[in-house]
Amino acid sequence: MFGGLRYNDDHKEHNQNDFSGLSPVRDADGEVIYFETFVLLRNKHMNYRIGLNPDGRDPSSGIIVPADRTYLDSKRRSWKETTSNVGFEYTSSDDHLWYGRISKGYLPGGFRGFAQGLAEGWDAEEMINYEGSLKGLFVDGTVQLELSAYHQDFSAHWTQHGRRCRPEELGRPGLCLTRLWTGETIVLDGTTITGLELQGAWQINDRLNLRGFYELINSKHAPHTSAYCCTPEGELPAASTITVTDTQGNELVLNDTGVRDFTGNQLRNSPKHKFSATLTYDVPINPDWGSLNVLTTMSWRDKMFMDEAELDIYSVPDYTRWDMRANWFSPSGTYSVTGWVTNLLDQVAVQSYGQRKGNGVTETITGTVTGERRIDITFNYQL
């Protein structure tokens, strides 16, 4: 049996740069009357805004411009948490080991970007992890296997999506003036990740060895609704508005376009299935010629999504990759030659992209892809 406690005290300080600029002041017709000079002192030692407009109102609209939101605790913040773990290991025989563990995970929060939330800190990420496994040797010791399962239950999980503006934020310039949704890092309760892993090795004979692994991942996004860029058909959503009432009782007509429910969707970059297998063979050659071994690796990844909207039109297709390598060593070990072929099938796959920067219909989607087939030979000499 084993267990432990750990106390975490993570302190961060956010040193945003001070900056100054010119803000256009317009009349009722939208014409620029003059440019207002402003200075924002945002570093961790200061907590105020300097502007040349003394009463804090926009001269063209009369709307009060709120003070900068950089509170001191948004520049200097600590995240404190106690984490723990408990578990057991049981050797049922010389060849078999059972293992179980329950542990609490914790990751300190951070500071939001300059545009959304104006550097306010967000909460830590927390979850409880349950895991168990069986490790052992089978088939007269020629097969080594490890079967494990885990379940991760997040009480606080980070996701980068929009959230609905709070009543006190409605109508605020630069935040919720025209839209009902604002983007920032959201901390959600209810995300889960459940997985099953199988890995092992098989000594087929004295020269041939097979190793590999398989993983099944079932991830579910916590309950959350947000504005989203695109429709399931890969088009821009139809524009829609909603009438809301702010804290002063004013009715506002705000943009409410493209709302989607992410609840229960697969997490980003989390293919449901993936596996890999490597076959190694020691080639029988005359010892006077040195030694030679060859190996080949085949891997496969299921389709996956770049974000939690889980739209098929934006999914990344499944991908198969096959690599081969040969290693020759001289009898003295002084010389060696390695030759390999990566991506033998010459299949180029998408690694990552973000459709929020373009929906593929009216704008181009940008991202990265894997490399093409590559053939290399390396010669090594060791004194």
Protein backbone atom coordinates (compact mmCIF):
# COMPACT_ATOMS: atom_id res chain seq x y z
CA MET A 1 0.00 0.00 0.00
CA PHE A 2 1.16 3.53 -0.62
CA GLY A 3 -0.15 7.08 -0.32
CA GLY A 4 0.92 10.66 0.00
CA LEU A 5 -0.03 14.31 0.36
CA ARG A 6 1.39 17.32 -1.41
CA TYR A 7 0.74 21.00 -0.72
CA ASN A 8 1.04 23.29 -3.75
CA ASP A 9 1.55 27.05 -3.54
CA ASP A 10 2.02 28.47 -7.03
CA HIS A 11 2.58 32.21 -7.32
CA LYS A 12 2.63 34.05 -10.64
CA GLU A 13 3.16 37.68 -11.55
CA HIS A 14 1.93 39.07 -14.83
CA ASN A 15 4.09 41.87 -16.21
CA GLN A 16 2.07 43.38 -19.04
CA ASN A 17 3.69 46.23 -20.90
CA ASP A 18 2.57 49.80 -20.37
CA PHE A 19 1.43 51.44 -23.57
CA SER A 20 0.06 54.66 -24.99
CA GLY A 21 -1.82 55.59 -28.13
CA LEU A 22 -4.34 57.79 -29.89
CA SER A 23 -8.07 57.14 -29.73
CA PRO A 24 -10.32 58.85 -32.34
CA VAL A 25 -13.19 60.92 -30.94
CA ARG A 26 -16.13 61.21 -33.35
CA ASP A 27 -19.21 63.41 -33.56
CA ALA A 28 -22.78 62.20 -34.02
CA ASP A 29 -22.20 61.85 -37.79
CA GLY A 30 -19.19 59.63 -37.25
CA GLU A 31 -16.63 62.22 -38.26
CA VAL A 32 -13.39 62.38 -36.28
CA ILE A 33 -13.29 65.52 -34.13
CA TYR A 34 -9.85 64.96 -32.64
CA PHE A 35 -7.61 62.21 -31.33
CA GLU A 36 -7.46 61.60 -27.60
CA THR A 37 -4.09 60.60 -26.20
CA PHE A 38 -4.20 57.90 -23.56
CA VAL A 39 -1.73 56.04 -21.42
CA LEU A 40 -2.38 52.67 -19.77
CA LEU A 41 -0.06 51.69 -16.94
CA ARG A 42 -0.65 47.96 -16.67
CA ASN A 43 2.43 46.55 -14.99
CA LYS A 44 2.21 44.76 -11.67
CA HIS A 45 3.30 47.82 -9.69
CA MET A 46 0.46 50.11 -10.83
CA ASN A 47 -3.29 49.83 -10.87
CA TYR A 48 -4.80 52.80 -12.67
CA ARG A 49 -5.45 54.38 -16.04
CA ILE A 50 -4.43 57.83 -17.18
CA GLY A 51 -6.54 59.49 -19.89
CA LEU A 52 -6.86 63.03 -21.11
CA ASN A 53 -10.65 62.83 -21.05
CA PRO A 54 -11.28 64.05 -17.47
CA ASP A 55 -14.87 62.87 -16.89
CA GLY A 56 -14.33 59.41 -18.41
CA ARG A 57 -16.99 59.83 -21.11
CA ASP A 58 -16.81 59.29 -24.84
CA PRO A 59 -17.50 62.81 -26.21
CA SER A 60 -19.36 61.45 -29.27
CA SER A 61 -21.77 59.11 -27.47
CA GLY A 62 -21.75 60.25 -23.87
CA ILE A 63 -21.18 56.64 -22.74
CA ILE A 64 -19.02 56.30 -19.64
CA VAL A 65 -15.77 54.52 -20.50
CA PRO A 66 -15.11 52.02 -17.68
CA ALA A 67 -11.79 52.08 -15.87
CA ASP A 68 -9.18 49.61 -17.02
CA ARG A 69 -9.84 46.17 -15.49
CA THR A 70 -6.30 45.38 -14.39
CA TYR A 71 -6.83 44.83 -10.67
CA LEU A 72 -3.81 44.15 -8.55
CA ASP A 73 -4.89 40.56 -7.91
CA SER A 74 -5.02 40.06 -11.67
CA LYS A 75 -1.32 40.85 -11.88
CA ARG A 76 -0.15 39.00 -8.79
CA ARG A 77 -1.99 35.83 -7.86
CA SER A 78 -1.39 32.57 -6.03
CA TRP A 79 -3.05 29.20 -6.57
CA LYS A 80 -2.99 26.91 -3.52
CA GLU A 81 -4.16 23.32 -3.42
CA THR A 82 -3.47 20.07 -1.57
CA THR A 83 -3.26 16.98 -3.75
CA SER A 84 -3.11 13.35 -2.67
CA ASN A 85 -2.74 9.81 -3.94
CA VAL A 86 -3.38 6.34 -2.56
CA GLY A 87 -2.88 2.93 -4.14
CA PHE A 88 -1.62 -0.61 -3.96
CA GLU A 89 0.61 -3.11 -5.74
CA TYR A 90 -0.01 -6.84 -5.41
CA THR A 91 2.23 -9.56 -6.79
CA SER A 92 -0.05 -12.56 -7.26
CA SER A 93 2.83 -14.68 -8.60
CA ASP A 94 6.41 -14.27 -9.74
CA ASP A 95 5.14 -13.27 -13.18
CA HIS A 96 2.02 -11.18 -12.43
CA LEU A 97 1.58 -7.76 -10.80
CA TRP A 98 -1.72 -6.00 -10.06
CA TYR A 99 -1.70 -2.23 -9.59
CA GLY A 100 -4.31 0.37 -8.56
CA ARG A 101 -4.23 4.06 -7.76
CA ILE A 102 -6.49 7.04 -7.03
CA SER A 103 -4.90 10.47 -7.27
CA LYS A 104 -5.91 14.10 -7.44
CA GLY A 105 -4.36 16.21 -10.20
CA TYR A 106 -3.83 19.95 -10.10
CA LEU A 107 -2.47 22.54 -12.51
CA PRO A 108 -2.23 26.23 -11.48
CA GLY A 109 -4.18 28.77 -13.50
CA GLY A 110 -2.87 31.65 -15.56
CA PHE A 111 -3.75 35.08 -16.88
CA ARG A 112 -6.11 35.78 -19.73
CA GLY A 113 -4.99 37.65 -22.81
CA PHE A 114 -5.08 41.38 -23.22
CA ALA A 115 -8.31 41.48 -25.24
CA GLN A 116 -10.55 39.16 -23.24
CA GLY A 117 -10.79 39.54 -19.50
CA LEU A 118 -7.95 42.07 -19.55
CA ALA A 119 -5.40 39.86 -17.82
CA GLU A 120 -7.70 38.55 -15.10
CA GLY A 121 -6.51 35.24 -13.69
CA TRP A 122 -8.47 32.01 -14.12
CA ASP A 123 -8.85 29.11 -11.70
CA ALA A 124 -6.64 26.05 -11.51
CA GLU A 125 -7.42 22.86 -13.40
CA GLU A 126 -8.34 19.94 -11.12
CA MET A 127 -9.33 16.32 -11.59
CA ILE A 128 -9.37 12.93 -9.86
CA ASN A 129 -7.70 10.04 -11.69
CA TYR A 130 -8.65 6.40 -11.16
CA GLU A 131 -6.35 3.77 -12.70
CA GLY A 132 -5.60 0.08 -12.50
CA SER A 133 -3.48 -2.38 -14.42
CA LEU A 134 -2.20 -5.91 -14.72
CA LYS A 135 1.39 -6.54 -15.77
CA GLY A 136 2.93 -9.92 -16.36
CA LEU A 137 4.68 -12.58 -18.40
CA PHE A 138 2.66 -15.18 -20.29
CA VAL A 139 3.19 -18.15 -22.67
CA ASP A 140 6.24 -19.47 -20.83
CA GLY A 141 7.70 -15.99 -20.50
CA THR A 142 7.78 -15.24 -24.24
CA VAL A 143 4.98 -12.66 -24.05
CA GLN A 144 5.06 -9.61 -21.84
CA LEU A 145 1.74 -7.74 -21.49
CA GLU A 146 0.43 -4.73 -19.63
CA LEU A 147 -3.31 -4.00 -19.58
CA SER A 148 -4.42 -0.80 -17.88
CA ALA A 149 -7.56 1.29 -17.59
CA TYR A 150 -8.13 4.79 -16.29
CA HIS A 151 -10.88 7.33 -15.71
CA GLN A 152 -10.22 11.05 -15.24
CA ASP A 153 -13.03 13.14 -13.74
CA PHE A 154 -12.43 16.89 -14.03
CA SER A 155 -14.00 19.22 -11.50
CA ALA A 156 -12.25 22.10 -13.29
CA HIS A 157 -11.18 21.76 -16.92
CA TRP A 158 -9.81 24.48 -19.21
CA THR A 159 -11.30 25.12 -22.60
CA GLN A 160 -10.87 28.04 -24.98
CA HIS A 161 -14.38 28.97 -26.05
CA GLY A 162 -16.75 31.86 -25.70
CA ARG A 163 -18.99 32.44 -22.70
CA ARG A 164 -22.23 34.37 -22.40
CA CYS A 165 -21.71 37.93 -21.20
CA ARG A 166 -22.73 38.56 -17.61
CA PRO A 167 -25.47 41.16 -16.97
CA GLU A 168 -23.01 43.72 -15.62
CA GLU A 169 -20.91 43.39 -18.78
CA LEU A 170 -23.70 43.99 -21.29
CA GLY A 171 -23.18 47.12 -23.36
CA ARG A 172 -19.58 47.60 -22.25
CA PRO A 173 -17.31 49.04 -24.93
CA GLY A 174 -14.78 46.54 -26.20
CA LEU A 175 -16.31 43.55 -24.44
CA CYS A 176 -20.06 43.03 -24.81
CA LEU A 177 -21.11 46.14 -26.69
CA THR A 178 -22.54 44.37 -29.75
CA ARG A 179 -22.19 40.63 -29.04
CA LEU A 180 -23.78 38.42 -26.41
CA TRP A 181 -20.71 36.17 -26.31
CA THR A 182 -17.13 36.94 -25.37
CA GLY A 183 -14.11 34.66 -25.75
CA GLU A 184 -11.72 33.67 -23.01
CA THR A 185 -10.37 30.64 -21.15
CA ILE A 186 -13.31 28.93 -19.45
CA VAL A 187 -13.07 26.62 -16.43
CA LEU A 188 -15.75 23.90 -16.60
CA ASP A 189 -16.97 21.10 -14.34
CA GLY A 190 -17.87 17.72 -15.84
CA THR A 191 -15.25 16.83 -18.45
CA THR A 192 -14.26 13.15 -18.36
CA ILE A 193 -11.61 11.04 -20.10
CA THR A 194 -11.78 7.24 -19.96
CA GLY A 195 -9.14 5.05 -21.52
CA LEU A 196 -7.96 1.49 -22.03
CA GLU A 197 -4.33 0.70 -22.91
CA LEU A 198 -2.71 -2.56 -23.99
CA GLN A 199 1.01 -2.81 -24.65
CA GLY A 200 3.35 -5.73 -24.88
CA ALA A 201 6.19 -7.61 -26.48
CA TRP A 202 6.42 -11.08 -28.03
CA GLN A 203 9.75 -12.85 -28.40
CA ILE A 204 8.76 -14.94 -31.42
CA ASN A 205 12.17 -16.61 -31.63
CA ASP A 206 15.82 -15.79 -30.95
CA ARG A 207 15.91 -13.31 -33.84
CA LEU A 208 12.37 -12.01 -34.28
CA ASN A 209 10.68 -9.70 -31.77
CA LEU A 210 7.31 -7.92 -31.96
CA ARG A 211 6.33 -4.93 -29.79
CA GLY A 212 3.25 -2.77 -29.88
CA PHE A 213 0.47 -0.92 -28.13
CA TYR A 214 -3.21 -0.09 -28.54
CA GLU A 215 -5.19 2.67 -26.85
CA LEU A 216 -8.91 3.39 -26.67
CA ILE A 217 -9.89 6.89 -25.50
CA ASN A 218 -13.43 8.02 -24.74
CA SER A 219 -13.46 11.72 -23.89
CA LYS A 220 -16.52 13.86 -23.16
CA HIS A 221 -16.68 17.63 -23.03
CA ALA A 222 -18.34 19.19 -19.99
CA PRO A 223 -21.76 20.86 -20.42
CA HIS A 224 -21.10 24.10 -22.29
CA THR A 225 -22.72 26.26 -24.95
CA SER A 226 -20.83 28.86 -26.99
CA ALA A 227 -20.91 30.88 -30.17
CA TYR A 228 -19.12 29.06 -32.99
CA CYS A 229 -17.76 30.04 -36.39
CA CYS A 230 -19.35 27.53 -38.71
CA THR A 231 -22.23 25.20 -39.55
CA PRO A 232 -21.95 21.39 -39.96
CA GLU A 233 -21.98 22.03 -43.74
CA GLY A 234 -18.88 24.22 -43.52
CA GLU A 235 -20.64 27.52 -44.03
CA LEU A 236 -21.01 30.68 -42.00
CA PRO A 237 -24.08 30.48 -39.73
CA ALA A 238 -27.06 32.69 -40.45
CA ALA A 239 -26.94 35.95 -38.51
CA SER A 240 -29.25 36.22 -35.51
CA THR A 241 -29.81 38.69 -32.69
CA ILE A 242 -31.30 38.58 -29.22
CA THR A 243 -32.78 41.31 -27.00
CA VAL A 244 -31.41 41.40 -23.45
CA THR A 245 -31.68 43.76 -20.48
CA ASP A 246 -28.61 45.09 -18.68
CA THR A 247 -28.32 45.88 -14.98
CA GLN A 248 -29.63 49.42 -15.53
CA GLY A 249 -32.79 48.13 -17.18
CA ASN A 250 -31.75 49.10 -20.71
CA GLU A 251 -32.80 46.80 -23.53
CA LEU A 252 -29.96 45.88 -25.89
CA VAL A 253 -30.06 44.04 -29.21
CA LEU A 254 -26.89 41.91 -29.38
CA ASN A 255 -25.38 39.50 -31.89
CA ASP A 256 -26.23 35.89 -30.99
CA THR A 257 -25.01 34.14 -34.17
CA GLY A 258 -23.88 30.51 -34.41
CA VAL A 259 -24.57 29.12 -30.94
CA ARG A 260 -23.59 25.45 -30.52
CA ASP A 261 -23.78 22.97 -27.65
CA PHE A 262 -20.46 21.18 -27.00
CA THR A 263 -21.80 18.95 -24.20
CA GLY A 264 -20.51 15.37 -24.47
CA ASN A 265 -18.41 15.97 -27.58
CA GLN A 266 -14.97 14.44 -28.06
CA LEU A 267 -12.08 16.58 -26.82
CA ARG A 268 -9.73 18.12 -29.34
CA ASN A 269 -6.79 16.05 -30.62
CA SER A 270 -8.18 12.91 -28.96
CA PRO A 271 -8.62 10.12 -31.53
CA LYS A 272 -10.76 7.30 -30.19
CA HIS A 273 -8.42 4.51 -31.38
CA LYS A 274 -4.70 4.35 -32.09
CA PHE A 275 -2.11 1.60 -32.25
CA SER A 276 1.46 0.94 -33.27
CA ALA A 277 3.52 -2.22 -33.89
CA THR A 278 7.26 -2.67 -34.37
CA LEU A 279 8.84 -5.86 -35.77
CA THR A 280 12.60 -6.32 -35.25
CA TYR A 281 14.71 -8.98 -36.96
CA ASP A 282 18.38 -9.81 -36.36
CA VAL A 283 19.61 -10.90 -39.79
CA PRO A 284 21.83 -14.02 -39.66
CA ILE A 285 25.13 -13.07 -41.34
CA ASN A 286 28.74 -14.18 -41.00
CA PRO A 287 30.18 -12.66 -37.77
CA ASP A 288 33.23 -11.57 -39.79
CA TRP A 289 30.88 -9.22 -41.68
CA GLY A 290 29.56 -7.64 -38.50
CA SER A 291 25.90 -7.57 -37.43
CA LEU A 292 22.74 -6.44 -39.15
CA ASN A 293 19.26 -5.81 -37.84
CA VAL A 294 16.18 -4.45 -39.58
CA LEU A 295 12.96 -3.16 -38.11
CA THR A 296 9.68 -1.82 -39.37
CA THR A 297 7.04 0.21 -37.55
CA MET A 298 3.43 0.58 -38.59
CA SER A 299 1.13 2.97 -36.77
CA TRP A 300 -2.49 4.01 -37.22
CA ARG A 301 -4.53 6.83 -35.74
CA ASP A 302 -8.30 7.16 -35.89
CA LYS A 303 -9.94 10.34 -37.14
CA MET A 304 -9.92 13.23 -34.69
CA PHE A 305 -11.23 16.75 -34.26
CA MET A 306 -9.30 19.97 -33.88
CA ASP A 307 -11.81 21.36 -31.40
CA GLU A 308 -14.82 20.25 -29.41
CA ALA A 309 -17.48 21.26 -31.96
CA GLU A 310 -17.06 17.70 -33.37
CA LEU A 311 -18.21 18.53 -36.89
CA ASP A 312 -17.39 15.79 -39.41
CA ILE A 313 -16.59 18.31 -42.14
CA TYR A 314 -13.75 19.66 -39.99
CA SER A 315 -12.43 16.31 -38.76
CA VAL A 316 -8.91 15.09 -39.53
CA PRO A 317 -9.09 11.73 -41.38
CA ASP A 318 -7.50 8.59 -39.97
CA TYR A 319 -3.82 8.15 -40.82
CA THR A 320 -1.53 5.17 -41.40
CA ARG A 321 2.24 5.51 -41.28
CA TRP A 322 4.89 2.89 -42.11
CA ASP A 323 8.62 3.33 -41.42
CA MET A 324 11.56 0.98 -42.05
CA ARG A 325 15.17 1.01 -40.83
CA ALA A 326 18.29 -1.16 -41.17
CA ASN A 327 21.40 -0.95 -38.95
CA TRP A 328 24.77 -2.51 -39.79
CA PHE A 329 27.69 -2.59 -37.34
CA SER A 330 31.24 -3.59 -38.18
CA PRO A 331 32.81 -6.49 -36.21
CA SER A 332 34.92 -4.06 -34.18
CA GLY A 333 32.08 -1.61 -33.68
CA THR A 334 34.14 1.16 -35.25
CA TYR A 335 31.87 1.64 -38.24
CA SER A 336 28.12 1.60 -38.58
CA VAL A 337 25.68 2.40 -41.32
CA THR A 338 21.99 3.19 -40.83
CA GLY A 339 19.52 3.46 -43.63
CA TRP A 340 15.85 4.26 -43.22
CA VAL A 341 12.69 5.16 -45.03
CA THR A 342 10.14 7.29 -43.23
CA ASN A 343 6.55 7.49 -44.41
CA LEU A 344 7.03 4.60 -46.80
CA LEU A 345 3.43 4.89 -48.04
CA ASP A 346 4.04 8.58 -48.85
CA GLN A 347 0.76 9.59 -47.26
CA VAL A 348 0.60 13.22 -46.17
CA ALA A 349 -1.75 13.81 -43.26
CA VAL A 350 -3.03 16.87 -41.43
CA GLN A 351 -1.34 17.36 -38.08
CA SER A 352 -3.33 20.34 -36.82
CA TYR A 353 -5.33 23.31 -38.00
CA GLY A 354 -7.81 25.84 -36.68
CA GLN A 355 -11.03 26.32 -38.62
CA ARG A 356 -11.84 29.38 -36.53
CA LYS A 357 -9.30 31.25 -38.64
CA GLY A 358 -11.17 30.27 -41.78
CA ASN A 359 -14.12 28.02 -42.47
CA GLY A 360 -12.84 26.60 -45.75
CA VAL A 361 -15.64 28.23 -47.75
CA THR A 362 -15.22 31.99 -47.55
CA GLU A 363 -11.75 31.87 -45.98
CA THR A 364 -8.81 29.50 -46.23
CA ILE A 365 -8.11 27.06 -43.41
CA THR A 366 -4.47 27.13 -42.32
CA GLY A 367 -2.59 24.38 -40.53
CA THR A 368 0.34 21.94 -40.69
CA VAL A 369 0.82 18.56 -42.37
CA THR A 370 3.21 15.62 -42.02
CA GLY A 371 6.26 15.27 -44.24
CA GLU A 372 6.42 13.28 -47.45
CA ARG A 373 8.40 10.06 -47.90
CA ARG A 374 12.05 10.49 -46.91
CA ILE A 375 15.05 8.19 -47.57
CA ASP A 376 18.26 8.63 -45.56
CA ILE A 377 21.59 6.88 -45.11
CA THR A 378 23.96 7.70 -42.25
CA PHE A 379 27.57 6.54 -41.91
CA ASN A 380 29.19 6.67 -38.44
CA TYR A 381 32.83 6.26 -37.43
CA GLN A 382 33.90 5.94 -33.78
CA LEU A 383 37.51 6.14 -32.65
